[in-house]
Amino acid sequence: MITATVTGNVGKTPELRTTSGGKPMTTFGVASTYKRKGGEPTTTWVDVVCFDEAAEAVCESLNKGDRVMVTGRVELERYQKKDGGEGQSLRMIADDVALSVRFRKQESAPAGGSEPW
């Protein structure tokens, strides 16, 4: 088992579903972009799966474009493409999902120009 943390942007607003066993679940994609000095940016998509209370909290909290940090177990999933070839994708079973505020714009000062402290 590989445990990792992925930081990136949510590709589509998560929607709550239910497994055949009645457990709440959601899936969403995270686009993680890395740019090497002097090179072109490279984006890797990771499919994230959340269950139970985490699935419900994610659906209530995240929207498309939100920057997140996800920690969990990473798996390489193989699948059959429509053209008959084999495809692969990274899938993460999330243990924790958090909003990242690293690139969030600072809000303007309150009316009246006074600092809140």
PDB file of N, CA and C in Angstrom:
ATOM      1  N   MET A   1       0.854  -1.181   0.000  1.00  0.00           N
ATOM      2  CA  MET A   1       0.000   0.000   0.000  1.00  0.00           C
ATOM      3  C   MET A   1       0.894   1.237   0.000  1.00  0.00           C
ATOM      4  N   ILE A   2       0.535   2.199  -0.837  1.00  0.00           N
ATOM      5  CA  ILE A   2       1.261   3.460  -0.919  1.00  0.00           C
ATOM      6  C   ILE A   2       0.349   4.559  -0.385  1.00  0.00           C
ATOM      7  N   THR A   3       0.846   5.310   0.599  1.00  0.00           N
ATOM      8  CA  THR A   3       0.111   6.461   1.125  1.00  0.00           C
ATOM      9  C   THR A   3       0.797   7.720   0.594  1.00  0.00           C
ATOM     10  N   ALA A   4      -0.004   8.672   0.110  1.00  0.00           N
ATOM     11  CA  ALA A   4       0.554   9.879  -0.492  1.00  0.00           C
ATOM     12  C   ALA A   4      -0.359  11.071  -0.241  1.00  0.00           C
ATOM     13  N   THR A   5       0.161  12.252  -0.547  1.00  0.00           N
ATOM     14  CA  THR A   5      -0.616  13.485  -0.503  1.00  0.00           C
ATOM     15  C   THR A   5      -0.570  14.114  -1.883  1.00  0.00           C
ATOM     16  N   VAL A   6      -1.734  14.499  -2.390  1.00  0.00           N
ATOM     17  CA  VAL A   6      -1.837  15.156  -3.689  1.00  0.00           C
ATOM     18  C   VAL A   6      -2.434  16.542  -3.467  1.00  0.00           C
ATOM     19  N   THR A   7      -1.815  17.541  -4.076  1.00  0.00           N
ATOM     20  CA  THR A   7      -2.323  18.903  -4.023  1.00  0.00           C
ATOM     21  C   THR A   7      -2.679  19.314  -5.442  1.00  0.00           C
ATOM     22  N   GLY A   8      -3.874  19.885  -5.608  1.00  0.00           N
ATOM     23  CA  GLY A   8      -4.287  20.325  -6.931  1.00  0.00           C
ATOM     24  C   GLY A   8      -5.677  20.914  -6.901  1.00  0.00           C
ATOM     25  N   ASN A   9      -6.282  21.032  -8.078  1.00  0.00           N
ATOM     26  CA  ASN A   9      -7.595  21.651  -8.200  1.00  0.00           C
ATOM     27  C   ASN A   9      -8.655  20.617  -8.552  1.00  0.00           C
ATOM     28  N   VAL A  10      -9.828  20.782  -7.926  1.00  0.00           N
ATOM     29  CA  VAL A  10     -10.959  19.889  -8.180  1.00  0.00           C
ATOM     30  C   VAL A  10     -11.444  20.123  -9.609  1.00  0.00           C
ATOM     31  N   GLY A  11     -11.593  19.041 -10.370  1.00  0.00           N
ATOM     32  CA  GLY A  11     -11.980  19.143 -11.773  1.00  0.00           C
ATOM     33  C   GLY A  11     -13.475  19.275 -11.994  1.00  0.00           C
ATOM     34  N   LYS A  12     -14.280  18.762 -11.079  1.00  0.00           N
ATOM     35  CA  LYS A  12     -15.736  18.783 -11.211  1.00  0.00           C
ATOM     36  C   LYS A  12     -16.332  18.734  -9.813  1.00  0.00           C
ATOM     37  N   THR A  13     -17.377  19.502  -9.563  1.00  0.00           N
ATOM     38  CA  THR A  13     -18.007  19.515  -8.249  1.00  0.00           C
ATOM     39  C   THR A  13     -18.458  18.100  -7.885  1.00  0.00           C
ATOM     40  N   PRO A  14     -18.010  17.582  -6.720  1.00  0.00           N
ATOM     41  CA  PRO A  14     -18.377  16.222  -6.311  1.00  0.00           C
ATOM     42  C   PRO A  14     -19.881  16.073  -6.080  1.00  0.00           C
ATOM     43  N   GLU A  15     -20.402  14.887  -6.398  1.00  0.00           N
ATOM     44  CA  GLU A  15     -21.818  14.577  -6.174  1.00  0.00           C
ATOM     45  C   GLU A  15     -21.911  13.329  -5.306  1.00  0.00           C
ATOM     46  N   LEU A  16     -22.817  13.358  -4.336  1.00  0.00           N
ATOM     47  CA  LEU A  16     -22.993  12.240  -3.411  1.00  0.00           C
ATOM     48  C   LEU A  16     -23.771  11.124  -4.080  1.00  0.00           C
ATOM     49  N   ARG A  17     -23.251   9.894  -3.938  1.00  0.00           N
ATOM     50  CA  ARG A  17     -23.923   8.700  -4.434  1.00  0.00           C
ATOM     51  C   ARG A  17     -23.968   7.690  -3.296  1.00  0.00           C
ATOM     52  N   THR A  18     -24.561   6.549  -3.554  1.00  0.00           N
ATOM     53  CA  THR A  18     -24.633   5.484  -2.564  1.00  0.00           C
ATOM     54  C   THR A  18     -24.140   4.193  -3.207  1.00  0.00           C
ATOM     55  N   THR A  19     -23.294   3.443  -2.475  1.00  0.00           N
ATOM     56  CA  THR A  19     -22.816   2.159  -2.984  1.00  0.00           C
ATOM     57  C   THR A  19     -23.959   1.154  -2.951  1.00  0.00           C
ATOM     58  N   SER A  20     -23.762   0.006  -3.577  1.00  0.00           N
ATOM     59  CA  SER A  20     -24.794  -1.037  -3.559  1.00  0.00           C
ATOM     60  C   SER A  20     -25.054  -1.524  -2.133  1.00  0.00           C
ATOM     61  N   GLY A  21     -24.086  -1.340  -1.231  1.00  0.00           N
ATOM     62  CA  GLY A  21     -24.254  -1.724   0.169  1.00  0.00           C
ATOM     63  C   GLY A  21     -24.849  -0.618   1.026  1.00  0.00           C
ATOM     64  N   GLY A  22     -25.205   0.519   0.410  1.00  0.00           N
ATOM     65  CA  GLY A  22     -25.842   1.610   1.137  1.00  0.00           C
ATOM     66  C   GLY A  22     -24.907   2.633   1.750  1.00  0.00           C
ATOM     67  N   LYS A  23     -23.593   2.563   1.457  1.00  0.00           N
ATOM     68  CA  LYS A  23     -22.634   3.520   2.006  1.00  0.00           C
ATOM     69  C   LYS A  23     -22.597   4.783   1.150  1.00  0.00           C
ATOM     70  N   PRO A  24     -22.560   5.972   1.771  1.00  0.00           N
ATOM     71  CA  PRO A  24     -22.357   7.203   1.005  1.00  0.00           C
ATOM     72  C   PRO A  24     -20.962   7.198   0.375  1.00  0.00           C
ATOM     73  N   MET A  25     -20.871   7.682  -0.859  1.00  0.00           N
ATOM     74  CA  MET A  25     -19.585   7.739  -1.551  1.00  0.00           C
ATOM     75  C   MET A  25     -19.601   8.870  -2.562  1.00  0.00           C
ATOM     76  N   THR A  26     -18.428   9.380  -2.856  1.00  0.00           N
ATOM     77  CA  THR A  26     -18.280  10.352  -3.932  1.00  0.00           C
ATOM     78  C   THR A  26     -16.929  10.158  -4.588  1.00  0.00           C
ATOM     79  N   THR A  27     -16.851  10.555  -5.840  1.00  0.00           N
ATOM     80  CA  THR A  27     -15.586  10.563  -6.553  1.00  0.00           C
ATOM     81  C   THR A  27     -15.417  11.929  -7.200  1.00  0.00           C
ATOM     82  N   PHE A  28     -14.182  12.361  -7.303  1.00  0.00           N
ATOM     83  CA  PHE A  28     -13.891  13.607  -8.010  1.00  0.00           C
ATOM     84  C   PHE A  28     -12.446  13.556  -8.471  1.00  0.00           C
ATOM     85  N   GLY A  29     -12.145  14.306  -9.499  1.00  0.00           N
ATOM     86  CA  GLY A  29     -10.788  14.350 -10.031  1.00  0.00           C
ATOM     87  C   GLY A  29     -10.028  15.540  -9.487  1.00  0.00           C
ATOM     88  N   VAL A  30      -8.730  15.340  -9.256  1.00  0.00           N
ATOM     89  CA  VAL A  30      -7.846  16.425  -8.841  1.00  0.00           C
ATOM     90  C   VAL A  30      -6.755  16.561  -9.893  1.00  0.00           C
ATOM     91  N   ALA A  31      -6.615  17.761 -10.422  1.00  0.00           N
ATOM     92  CA  ALA A  31      -5.575  18.058 -11.402  1.00  0.00           C
ATOM     93  C   ALA A  31      -4.387  18.658 -10.673  1.00  0.00           C
ATOM     94  N   SER A  32      -3.279  17.948 -10.682  1.00  0.00           N
ATOM     95  CA  SER A  32      -2.058  18.410 -10.032  1.00  0.00           C
ATOM     96  C   SER A  32      -1.069  18.818 -11.116  1.00  0.00           C
ATOM     97  N   THR A  33      -0.722  20.100 -11.140  1.00  0.00           N
ATOM     98  CA  THR A  33       0.152  20.623 -12.181  1.00  0.00           C
ATOM     99  C   THR A  33       1.510  20.988 -11.605  1.00  0.00           C
ATOM    100  N   TYR A  34       2.549  20.562 -12.301  1.00  0.00           N
ATOM    101  CA  TYR A  34       3.916  20.812 -11.873  1.00  0.00           C
ATOM    102  C   TYR A  34       4.683  21.409 -13.043  1.00  0.00           C
ATOM    103  N   LYS A  35       5.443  22.462 -12.759  1.00  0.00           N
ATOM    104  CA  LYS A  35       6.260  23.073 -13.811  1.00  0.00           C
ATOM    105  C   LYS A  35       7.711  23.088 -13.358  1.00  0.00           C
ATOM    106  N   ARG A  36       8.525  22.411 -14.149  1.00  0.00           N
ATOM    107  CA  ARG A  36       9.953  22.445 -13.877  1.00  0.00           C
ATOM    108  C   ARG A  36      10.527  23.754 -14.379  1.00  0.00           C
ATOM    109  N   LYS A  37      11.551  24.207 -13.738  1.00  0.00           N
ATOM    110  CA  LYS A  37      12.185  25.463 -14.121  1.00  0.00           C
ATOM    111  C   LYS A  37      12.558  25.422 -15.599  1.00  0.00           C
ATOM    112  N   GLY A  38      12.033  26.366 -16.365  1.00  0.00           N
ATOM    113  CA  GLY A  38      12.320  26.453 -17.787  1.00  0.00           C
ATOM    114  C   GLY A  38      11.563  25.468 -18.654  1.00  0.00           C
ATOM    115  N   GLY A  39      10.729  24.630 -18.057  1.00  0.00           N
ATOM    116  CA  GLY A  39      10.011  23.622 -18.829  1.00  0.00           C
ATOM    117  C   GLY A  39       8.526  23.926 -18.930  1.00  0.00           C
ATOM    118  N   GLU A  40       7.842  23.085 -19.649  1.00  0.00           N
ATOM    119  CA  GLU A  40       6.398  23.215 -19.813  1.00  0.00           C
ATOM    120  C   GLU A  40       5.686  22.584 -18.611  1.00  0.00           C
ATOM    121  N   PRO A  41       4.527  23.115 -18.216  1.00  0.00           N
ATOM    122  CA  PRO A  41       3.769  22.508 -17.123  1.00  0.00           C
ATOM    123  C   PRO A  41       3.253  21.117 -17.506  1.00  0.00           C
ATOM    124  N   THR A  42       3.234  20.218 -16.535  1.00  0.00           N
ATOM    125  CA  THR A  42       2.713  18.876 -16.715  1.00  0.00           C
ATOM    126  C   THR A  42       1.587  18.677 -15.713  1.00  0.00           C
ATOM    127  N   THR A  43       0.432  18.222 -16.192  1.00  0.00           N
ATOM    128  CA  THR A  43      -0.714  17.990 -15.310  1.00  0.00           C
ATOM    129  C   THR A  43      -0.981  16.495 -15.210  1.00  0.00           C
ATOM    130  N   THR A  44      -1.128  16.027 -13.979  1.00  0.00           N
ATOM    131  CA  THR A  44      -1.489  14.643 -13.709  1.00  0.00           C
ATOM    132  C   THR A  44      -2.838  14.639 -13.009  1.00  0.00           C
ATOM    133  N   TRP A  45      -3.772  13.824 -13.516  1.00  0.00           N
ATOM    134  CA  TRP A  45      -5.090  13.710 -12.907  1.00  0.00           C
ATOM    135  C   TRP A  45      -5.113  12.517 -11.970  1.00  0.00           C
ATOM    136  N   VAL A  46      -5.689  12.713 -10.787  1.00  0.00           N
ATOM    137  CA  VAL A  46      -5.863  11.648  -9.814  1.00  0.00           C
ATOM    138  C   VAL A  46      -7.352  11.553  -9.505  1.00  0.00           C
ATOM    139  N   ASP A  47      -7.921  10.348  -9.650  1.00  0.00           N
ATOM    140  CA  ASP A  47      -9.320  10.110  -9.287  1.00  0.00           C
ATOM    141  C   ASP A  47      -9.380   9.843  -7.793  1.00  0.00           C
ATOM    142  N   VAL A  48     -10.150  10.641  -7.060  1.00  0.00           N
ATOM    143  CA  VAL A  48     -10.250  10.514  -5.604  1.00  0.00           C
ATOM    144  C   VAL A  48     -11.606   9.905  -5.250  1.00  0.00           C
ATOM    145  N   VAL A  49     -11.582   8.947  -4.316  1.00  0.00           N
ATOM    146  CA  VAL A  49     -12.805   8.296  -3.838  1.00  0.00           C
ATOM    147  C   VAL A  49     -12.912   8.530  -2.341  1.00  0.00           C
ATOM    148  N   CYS A  50     -14.084   8.976  -1.878  1.00  0.00           N
ATOM    149  CA  CYS A  50     -14.352   9.185  -0.451  1.00  0.00           C
ATOM    150  C   CYS A  50     -15.593   8.395  -0.060  1.00  0.00           C
ATOM    151  N   PHE A  51     -15.604   7.892   1.179  1.00  0.00           N
ATOM    152  CA  PHE A  51     -16.736   7.131   1.683  1.00  0.00           C
ATOM    153  C   PHE A  51     -17.264   7.729   2.980  1.00  0.00           C
ATOM    154  N   ASP A  52     -18.494   7.343   3.323  1.00  0.00           N
ATOM    155  CA  ASP A  52     -19.136   7.646   4.601  1.00  0.00           C
ATOM    156  C   ASP A  52     -19.185   9.151   4.883  1.00  0.00           C
ATOM    157  N   GLU A  53     -18.814   9.551   6.108  1.00  0.00           N
ATOM    158  CA  GLU A  53     -18.909  10.960   6.514  1.00  0.00           C
ATOM    159  C   GLU A  53     -18.012  11.856   5.659  1.00  0.00           C
ATOM    160  N   ALA A  54     -16.872  11.327   5.253  1.00  0.00           N
ATOM    161  CA  ALA A  54     -15.964  12.115   4.406  1.00  0.00           C
ATOM    162  C   ALA A  54     -16.627  12.449   3.073  1.00  0.00           C
ATOM    163  N   ALA A  55     -17.358  11.485   2.499  1.00  0.00           N
ATOM    164  CA  ALA A  55     -18.052  11.722   1.230  1.00  0.00           C
ATOM    165  C   ALA A  55     -19.084  12.835   1.387  1.00  0.00           C
ATOM    166  N   GLU A  56     -19.826  12.788   2.481  1.00  0.00           N
ATOM    167  CA  GLU A  56     -20.843  13.818   2.713  1.00  0.00           C
ATOM    168  C   GLU A  56     -20.213  15.189   2.919  1.00  0.00           C
ATOM    169  N   ALA A  57     -19.126  15.247   3.705  1.00  0.00           N
ATOM    170  CA  ALA A  57     -18.461  16.527   3.971  1.00  0.00           C
ATOM    171  C   ALA A  57     -17.849  17.108   2.697  1.00  0.00           C
ATOM    172  N   VAL A  58     -17.253  16.254   1.874  1.00  0.00           N
ATOM    173  CA  VAL A  58     -16.657  16.715   0.618  1.00  0.00           C
ATOM    174  C   VAL A  58     -17.728  17.320  -0.284  1.00  0.00           C
ATOM    175  N   CYS A  59     -18.875  16.658  -0.394  1.00  0.00           N
ATOM    176  CA  CYS A  59     -19.951  17.161  -1.255  1.00  0.00           C
ATOM    177  C   CYS A  59     -20.521  18.479  -0.756  1.00  0.00           C
ATOM    178  N   GLU A  60     -20.510  18.679   0.548  1.00  0.00           N
ATOM    179  CA  GLU A  60     -21.004  19.934   1.117  1.00  0.00           C
ATOM    180  C   GLU A  60     -19.991  21.062   1.005  1.00  0.00           C
ATOM    181  N   SER A  61     -18.698  20.717   0.864  1.00  0.00           N
ATOM    182  CA  SER A  61     -17.638  21.716   0.990  1.00  0.00           C
ATOM    183  C   SER A  61     -16.904  22.083  -0.293  1.00  0.00           C
ATOM    184  N   LEU A  62     -16.816  21.165  -1.252  1.00  0.00           N
ATOM    185  CA  LEU A  62     -15.963  21.407  -2.414  1.00  0.00           C
ATOM    186  C   LEU A  62     -16.743  21.755  -3.672  1.00  0.00           C
ATOM    187  N   ASN A  63     -16.126  22.596  -4.477  1.00  0.00           N
ATOM    188  CA  ASN A  63     -16.669  22.972  -5.778  1.00  0.00           C
ATOM    189  C   ASN A  63     -15.577  22.851  -6.827  1.00  0.00           C
ATOM    190  N   LYS A  64     -15.993  22.810  -8.075  1.00  0.00           N
ATOM    191  CA  LYS A  64     -15.047  22.780  -9.183  1.00  0.00           C
ATOM    192  C   LYS A  64     -14.079  23.951  -9.048  1.00  0.00           C
ATOM    193  N   GLY A  65     -12.795  23.678  -9.218  1.00  0.00           N
ATOM    194  CA  GLY A  65     -11.776  24.719  -9.166  1.00  0.00           C
ATOM    195  C   GLY A  65     -11.136  24.915  -7.804  1.00  0.00           C
ATOM    196  N   ASP A  66     -11.764  24.415  -6.726  1.00  0.00           N
ATOM    197  CA  ASP A  66     -11.174  24.567  -5.396  1.00  0.00           C
ATOM    198  C   ASP A  66      -9.817  23.878  -5.338  1.00  0.00           C
ATOM    199  N   ARG A  67      -8.869  24.514  -4.668  1.00  0.00           N
ATOM    200  CA  ARG A  67      -7.551  23.907  -4.471  1.00  0.00           C
ATOM    201  C   ARG A  67      -7.624  23.060  -3.203  1.00  0.00           C
ATOM    202  N   VAL A  68      -7.214  21.804  -3.315  1.00  0.00           N
ATOM    203  CA  VAL A  68      -7.320  20.865  -2.196  1.00  0.00           C
ATOM    204  C   VAL A  68      -6.012  20.116  -1.971  1.00  0.00           C
ATOM    205  N   MET A  69      -5.906  19.553  -0.770  1.00  0.00           N
ATOM    206  CA  MET A  69      -4.845  18.615  -0.422  1.00  0.00           C
ATOM    207  C   MET A  69      -5.547  17.342   0.018  1.00  0.00           C
ATOM    208  N   VAL A  70      -5.203  16.230  -0.620  1.00  0.00           N
ATOM    209  CA  VAL A  70      -5.838  14.951  -0.328  1.00  0.00           C
ATOM    210  C   VAL A  70      -4.759  13.964   0.099  1.00  0.00           C
ATOM    211  N   THR A  71      -4.993  13.278   1.213  1.00  0.00           N
ATOM    212  CA  THR A  71      -4.087  12.237   1.692  1.00  0.00           C
ATOM    213  C   THR A  71      -4.837  10.920   1.669  1.00  0.00           C
ATOM    214  N   GLY A  72      -4.163   9.867   1.205  1.00  0.00           N
ATOM    215  CA  GLY A  72      -4.818   8.572   1.171  1.00  0.00           C
ATOM    216  C   GLY A  72      -3.972   7.500   0.524  1.00  0.00           C
ATOM    217  N   ARG A  73      -4.608   6.381   0.243  1.00  0.00           N
ATOM    218  CA  ARG A  73      -3.944   5.228  -0.376  1.00  0.00           C
ATOM    219  C   ARG A  73      -4.035   5.350  -1.893  1.00  0.00           C
ATOM    220  N   VAL A  74      -2.910   5.203  -2.567  1.00  0.00           N
ATOM    221  CA  VAL A  74      -2.850   5.345  -4.020  1.00  0.00           C
ATOM    222  C   VAL A  74      -2.801   3.970  -4.676  1.00  0.00           C
ATOM    223  N   GLU A  75      -3.581   3.813  -5.735  1.00  0.00           N
ATOM    224  CA  GLU A  75      -3.604   2.566  -6.503  1.00  0.00           C
ATOM    225  C   GLU A  75      -3.517   2.909  -7.982  1.00  0.00           C
ATOM    226  N   LEU A  76      -2.893   2.044  -8.739  1.00  0.00           N
ATOM    227  CA  LEU A  76      -2.887   2.170 -10.192  1.00  0.00           C
ATOM    228  C   LEU A  76      -4.011   1.288 -10.706  1.00  0.00           C
ATOM    229  N   GLU A  77      -4.988   1.887 -11.336  1.00  0.00           N
ATOM    230  CA  GLU A  77      -6.153   1.153 -11.829  1.00  0.00           C
ATOM    231  C   GLU A  77      -6.015   0.943 -13.333  1.00  0.00           C
ATOM    232  N   ARG A  78      -6.154  -0.293 -13.752  1.00  0.00           N
ATOM    233  CA  ARG A  78      -6.105  -0.623 -15.184  1.00  0.00           C
ATOM    234  C   ARG A  78      -7.532  -0.864 -15.674  1.00  0.00           C
ATOM    235  N   TYR A  79      -7.787  -0.427 -16.905  1.00  0.00           N
ATOM    236  CA  TYR A  79      -9.126  -0.601 -17.457  1.00  0.00           C
ATOM    237  C   TYR A  79      -9.046  -0.795 -18.963  1.00  0.00           C
ATOM    238  N   GLN A  80     -10.120  -1.287 -19.527  1.00  0.00           N
ATOM    239  CA  GLN A  80     -10.230  -1.516 -20.969  1.00  0.00           C
ATOM    240  C   GLN A  80     -10.804  -0.259 -21.617  1.00  0.00           C
ATOM    241  N   LYS A  81     -10.095   0.298 -22.600  1.00  0.00           N
ATOM    242  CA  LYS A  81     -10.577   1.464 -23.333  1.00  0.00           C
ATOM    243  C   LYS A  81     -11.623   1.043 -24.351  1.00  0.00           C
ATOM    244  N   LYS A  82     -12.392   2.012 -24.833  1.00  0.00           N
ATOM    245  CA  LYS A  82     -13.419   1.735 -25.852  1.00  0.00           C
ATOM    246  C   LYS A  82     -12.813   1.186 -27.141  1.00  0.00           C
ATOM    247  N   ASP A  83     -11.574   1.611 -27.445  1.00  0.00           N
ATOM    248  CA  ASP A  83     -10.934   1.130 -28.673  1.00  0.00           C
ATOM    249  C   ASP A  83     -10.280  -0.243 -28.508  1.00  0.00           C
ATOM    250  N   GLY A  84     -10.446  -0.843 -27.309  1.00  0.00           N
ATOM    251  CA  GLY A  84      -9.898  -2.170 -27.052  1.00  0.00           C
ATOM    252  C   GLY A  84      -8.537  -2.166 -26.384  1.00  0.00           C
ATOM    253  N   GLY A  85      -7.885  -1.021 -26.352  1.00  0.00           N
ATOM    254  CA  GLY A  85      -6.577  -0.924 -25.702  1.00  0.00           C
ATOM    255  C   GLY A  85      -6.708  -0.875 -24.185  1.00  0.00           C
ATOM    256  N   GLU A  86      -5.569  -0.937 -23.517  1.00  0.00           N
ATOM    257  CA  GLU A  86      -5.559  -0.872 -22.069  1.00  0.00           C
ATOM    258  C   GLU A  86      -5.220   0.533 -21.616  1.00  0.00           C
ATOM    259  N   GLY A  87      -5.940   1.031 -20.612  1.00  0.00           N
ATOM    260  CA  GLY A  87      -5.670   2.332 -20.035  1.00  0.00           C
ATOM    261  C   GLY A  87      -5.305   2.191 -18.570  1.00  0.00           C
ATOM    262  N   GLN A  88      -4.711   3.233 -18.019  1.00  0.00           N
ATOM    263  CA  GLN A  88      -4.358   3.259 -16.604  1.00  0.00           C
ATOM    264  C   GLN A  88      -4.740   4.605 -16.026  1.00  0.00           C
ATOM    265  N   SER A  89      -5.105   4.611 -14.759  1.00  0.00           N
ATOM    266  CA  SER A  89      -5.367   5.858 -14.063  1.00  0.00           C
ATOM    267  C   SER A  89      -4.933   5.718 -12.614  1.00  0.00           C
ATOM    268  N   LEU A  90      -4.590   6.848 -12.006  1.00  0.00           N
ATOM    269  CA  LEU A  90      -4.261   6.865 -10.590  1.00  0.00           C
ATOM    270  C   LEU A  90      -5.541   7.068  -9.798  1.00  0.00           C
ATOM    271  N   ARG A  91      -5.717   6.244  -8.777  1.00  0.00           N
ATOM    272  CA  ARG A  91      -6.901   6.359  -7.921  1.00  0.00           C
ATOM    273  C   ARG A  91      -6.436   6.462  -6.484  1.00  0.00           C
ATOM    274  N   MET A  92      -7.047   7.365  -5.741  1.00  0.00           N
ATOM    275  CA  MET A  92      -6.708   7.551  -4.338  1.00  0.00           C
ATOM    276  C   MET A  92      -7.954   7.344  -3.494  1.00  0.00           C
ATOM    277  N   ILE A  93      -7.861   6.441  -2.515  1.00  0.00           N
ATOM    278  CA  ILE A  93      -8.919   6.267  -1.529  1.00  0.00           C
ATOM    279  C   ILE A  93      -8.579   7.237  -0.405  1.00  0.00           C
ATOM    280  N   ALA A  94      -9.361   8.303  -0.274  1.00  0.00           N
ATOM    281  CA  ALA A  94      -9.007   9.411   0.612  1.00  0.00           C
ATOM    282  C   ALA A  94      -9.178   9.063   2.085  1.00  0.00           C
ATOM    283  N   ASP A  95      -8.156   9.430   2.863  1.00  0.00           N
ATOM    284  CA  ASP A  95      -8.248   9.397   4.316  1.00  0.00           C
ATOM    285  C   ASP A  95      -8.614  10.779   4.833  1.00  0.00           C
ATOM    286  N   ASP A  96      -8.132  11.820   4.120  1.00  0.00           N
ATOM    287  CA  ASP A  96      -8.394  13.189   4.552  1.00  0.00           C
ATOM    288  C   ASP A  96      -8.387  14.108   3.332  1.00  0.00           C
ATOM    289  N   VAL A  97      -9.283  15.088   3.326  1.00  0.00           N
ATOM    290  CA  VAL A  97      -9.379  16.084   2.260  1.00  0.00           C
ATOM    291  C   VAL A  97      -9.462  17.452   2.924  1.00  0.00           C
ATOM    292  N   ALA A  98      -8.629  18.391   2.474  1.00  0.00           N
ATOM    293  CA  ALA A  98      -8.631  19.731   3.062  1.00  0.00           C
ATOM    294  C   ALA A  98      -8.518  20.780   1.965  1.00  0.00           C
ATOM    295  N   LEU A  99      -9.166  21.921   2.185  1.00  0.00           N
ATOM    296  CA  LEU A  99      -9.008  23.055   1.280  1.00  0.00           C
ATOM    297  C   LEU A  99      -7.624  23.656   1.484  1.00  0.00           C
ATOM    298  N   SER A 100      -6.976  24.044   0.408  1.00  0.00           N
ATOM    299  CA  SER A 100      -5.680  24.701   0.474  1.00  0.00           C
ATOM    300  C   SER A 100      -5.896  26.197   0.285  1.00  0.00           C
ATOM    301  N   VAL A 101      -5.246  26.992   1.116  1.00  0.00           N
ATOM    302  CA  VAL A 101      -5.391  28.450   1.002  1.00  0.00           C
ATOM    303  C   VAL A 101      -4.120  29.099   0.469  1.00  0.00           C
ATOM    304  N   ARG A 102      -3.202  28.309  -0.041  1.00  0.00           N
ATOM    305  CA  ARG A 102      -1.914  28.817  -0.495  1.00  0.00           C
ATOM    306  C   ARG A 102      -2.045  29.921  -1.537  1.00  0.00           C
ATOM    307  N   PHE A 103      -2.917  29.750  -2.509  1.00  0.00           N
ATOM    308  CA  PHE A 103      -3.046  30.734  -3.575  1.00  0.00           C
ATOM    309  C   PHE A 103      -4.331  31.552  -3.488  1.00  0.00           C
ATOM    310  N   ARG A 104      -5.024  31.480  -2.361  1.00  0.00           N
ATOM    311  CA  ARG A 104      -6.262  32.239  -2.199  1.00  0.00           C
ATOM    312  C   ARG A 104      -5.936  33.725  -2.106  1.00  0.00           C
ATOM    313  N   LYS A 105      -6.715  34.537  -2.801  1.00  0.00           N
ATOM    314  CA  LYS A 105      -6.507  35.985  -2.768  1.00  0.00           C
ATOM    315  C   LYS A 105      -6.876  36.513  -1.394  1.00  0.00           C
ATOM    316  N   GLN A 106      -6.098  37.494  -0.920  1.00  0.00           N
ATOM    317  CA  GLN A 106      -6.429  38.116   0.363  1.00  0.00           C
ATOM    318  C   GLN A 106      -7.659  38.972   0.184  1.00  0.00           C
ATOM    319  N   GLU A 107      -8.519  38.922   1.201  1.00  0.00           N
ATOM    320  CA  GLU A 107      -9.723  39.747   1.151  1.00  0.00           C
ATOM    321  C   GLU A 107      -9.340  41.175   1.512  1.00  0.00           C
ATOM    322  N   SER A 108     -10.096  42.125   0.979  1.00  0.00           N
ATOM    323  CA  SER A 108      -9.792  43.524   1.249  1.00  0.00           C
ATOM    324  C   SER A 108     -10.089  43.878   2.697  1.00  0.00           C
ATOM    325  N   ALA A 109      -9.480  44.953   3.172  1.00  0.00           N
ATOM    326  CA  ALA A 109      -9.671  45.409   4.560  1.00  0.00           C
ATOM    327  C   ALA A 109     -11.132  45.791   4.780  1.00  0.00           C
ATOM    328  N   PRO A 110     -11.636  45.654   6.013  1.00  0.00           N
ATOM    329  CA  PRO A 110     -13.016  46.012   6.314  1.00  0.00           C
ATOM    330  C   PRO A 110     -13.279  47.496   6.053  1.00  0.00           C
ATOM    331  N   ALA A 111     -14.554  47.822   5.815  1.00  0.00           N
ATOM    332  CA  ALA A 111     -14.944  49.218   5.584  1.00  0.00           C
ATOM    333  C   ALA A 111     -14.470  50.086   6.739  1.00  0.00           C
ATOM    334  N   GLY A 112     -14.029  51.293   6.439  1.00  0.00           N
ATOM    335  CA  GLY A 112     -13.544  52.196   7.484  1.00  0.00           C
ATOM    336  C   GLY A 112     -12.027  52.157   7.605  1.00  0.00           C
ATOM    337  N   GLY A 113     -11.396  51.184   6.946  1.00  0.00           N
ATOM    338  CA  GLY A 113      -9.946  51.136   6.913  1.00  0.00           C
ATOM    339  C   GLY A 113      -9.279  50.636   8.170  1.00  0.00           C
ATOM    340  N   SER A 114     -10.024  50.271   9.194  1.00  0.00           N
ATOM    341  CA  SER A 114      -9.373  49.806  10.416  1.00  0.00           C
ATOM    342  C   SER A 114      -9.060  48.326  10.339  1.00  0.00           C
ATOM    343  N   GLU A 115      -7.976  47.943  10.957  1.00  0.00           N
ATOM    344  CA  GLU A 115      -7.595  46.533  11.006  1.00  0.00           C
ATOM    345  C   GLU A 115      -8.479  45.817  12.028  1.00  0.00           C
ATOM    346  N   PRO A 116      -8.772  44.523  11.823  1.00  0.00           N
ATOM    347  CA  PRO A 116      -9.653  43.808  12.724  1.00  0.00           C
ATOM    348  C   PRO A 116      -9.067  43.539  14.096  1.00  0.00           C
ATOM    349  N   TRP A 117      -7.784  43.784  14.319  1.00  0.00           N
ATOM    350  CA  TRP A 117      -7.199  43.515  15.631  1.00  0.00           C
ATOM    351  C   TRP A 117      -6.983  44.763  16.350  1.00  0.00           C
TER     352      TRP A 117
END
